[in-house]
Amino acid sequence: MITIVLPEFLPRRWWQHVLHNQTALLIKAALLFRRNTVVADVPYRLKR
């Protein structure tokens, strides 16, 4: 069993979400159906 931890940025404005988290979505999609793999998102709030 392997666990992959991905940071998930939480921007302050809704339109900033378009600029962030796109790479994490691609990685999660690629690892979705792999056996013995767990993907965990860790939220990280952007302050500025």
Protein backbone atom coordinates (compact mmCIF):
# COMPACT_ATOMS: atom_id res chain seq x y z
CA MET A 1 0.00 0.00 0.00
CA ILE A 2 1.31 3.45 -0.93
CA THR A 3 -0.11 6.82 0.15
CA ILE A 4 0.37 9.91 -1.97
CA VAL A 5 -0.20 13.26 -0.27
CA LEU A 6 -1.15 16.17 -2.54
CA PRO A 7 -1.40 19.79 -1.39
CA GLU A 8 -4.67 21.45 -2.33
CA PHE A 9 -4.49 25.23 -2.39
CA LEU A 10 -7.53 27.12 -1.11
CA PRO A 11 -7.46 30.57 -2.73
CA ARG A 12 -9.35 33.55 -1.32
CA ARG A 13 -11.28 34.42 -4.48
CA TRP A 14 -13.36 32.08 -6.66
CA TRP A 15 -11.57 33.03 -9.87
CA GLN A 16 -8.17 32.17 -8.39
CA HIS A 17 -9.29 28.55 -8.17
CA VAL A 18 -8.91 28.35 -11.95
CA LEU A 19 -5.20 29.13 -11.57
CA HIS A 20 -4.53 26.56 -8.84
CA ASN A 21 -5.22 22.84 -8.22
CA GLN A 22 -5.14 21.84 -11.88
CA THR A 23 -2.03 19.68 -11.53
CA ALA A 24 -3.45 17.94 -8.47
CA LEU A 25 -6.60 17.05 -10.42
CA LEU A 26 -4.54 15.48 -13.20
CA ILE A 27 -2.46 13.47 -10.74
CA LYS A 28 -5.57 12.26 -8.87
CA ALA A 29 -7.20 11.23 -12.15
CA ALA A 30 -4.09 9.30 -13.22
CA LEU A 31 -3.90 7.42 -9.90
CA LEU A 32 -7.63 6.81 -9.45
CA PHE A 33 -7.76 3.18 -10.61
CA ARG A 34 -4.32 1.98 -9.48
CA ARG A 35 -4.29 -0.88 -7.03
CA ASN A 36 -2.83 -0.38 -3.55
CA THR A 37 -2.67 3.39 -3.98
CA VAL A 38 -4.31 5.96 -1.72
CA VAL A 39 -4.38 9.65 -2.64
CA ALA A 40 -4.87 12.16 0.19
CA ASP A 41 -5.54 15.88 -0.29
CA VAL A 42 -4.17 18.29 2.29
CA PRO A 43 -5.80 21.74 2.16
CA TYR A 44 -3.47 24.72 2.33
CA ARG A 45 -4.97 28.21 2.61
CA LEU A 46 -3.29 30.96 0.60
CA LYS A 47 -3.01 34.05 2.79
CA ARG A 48 -2.17 36.78 0.30
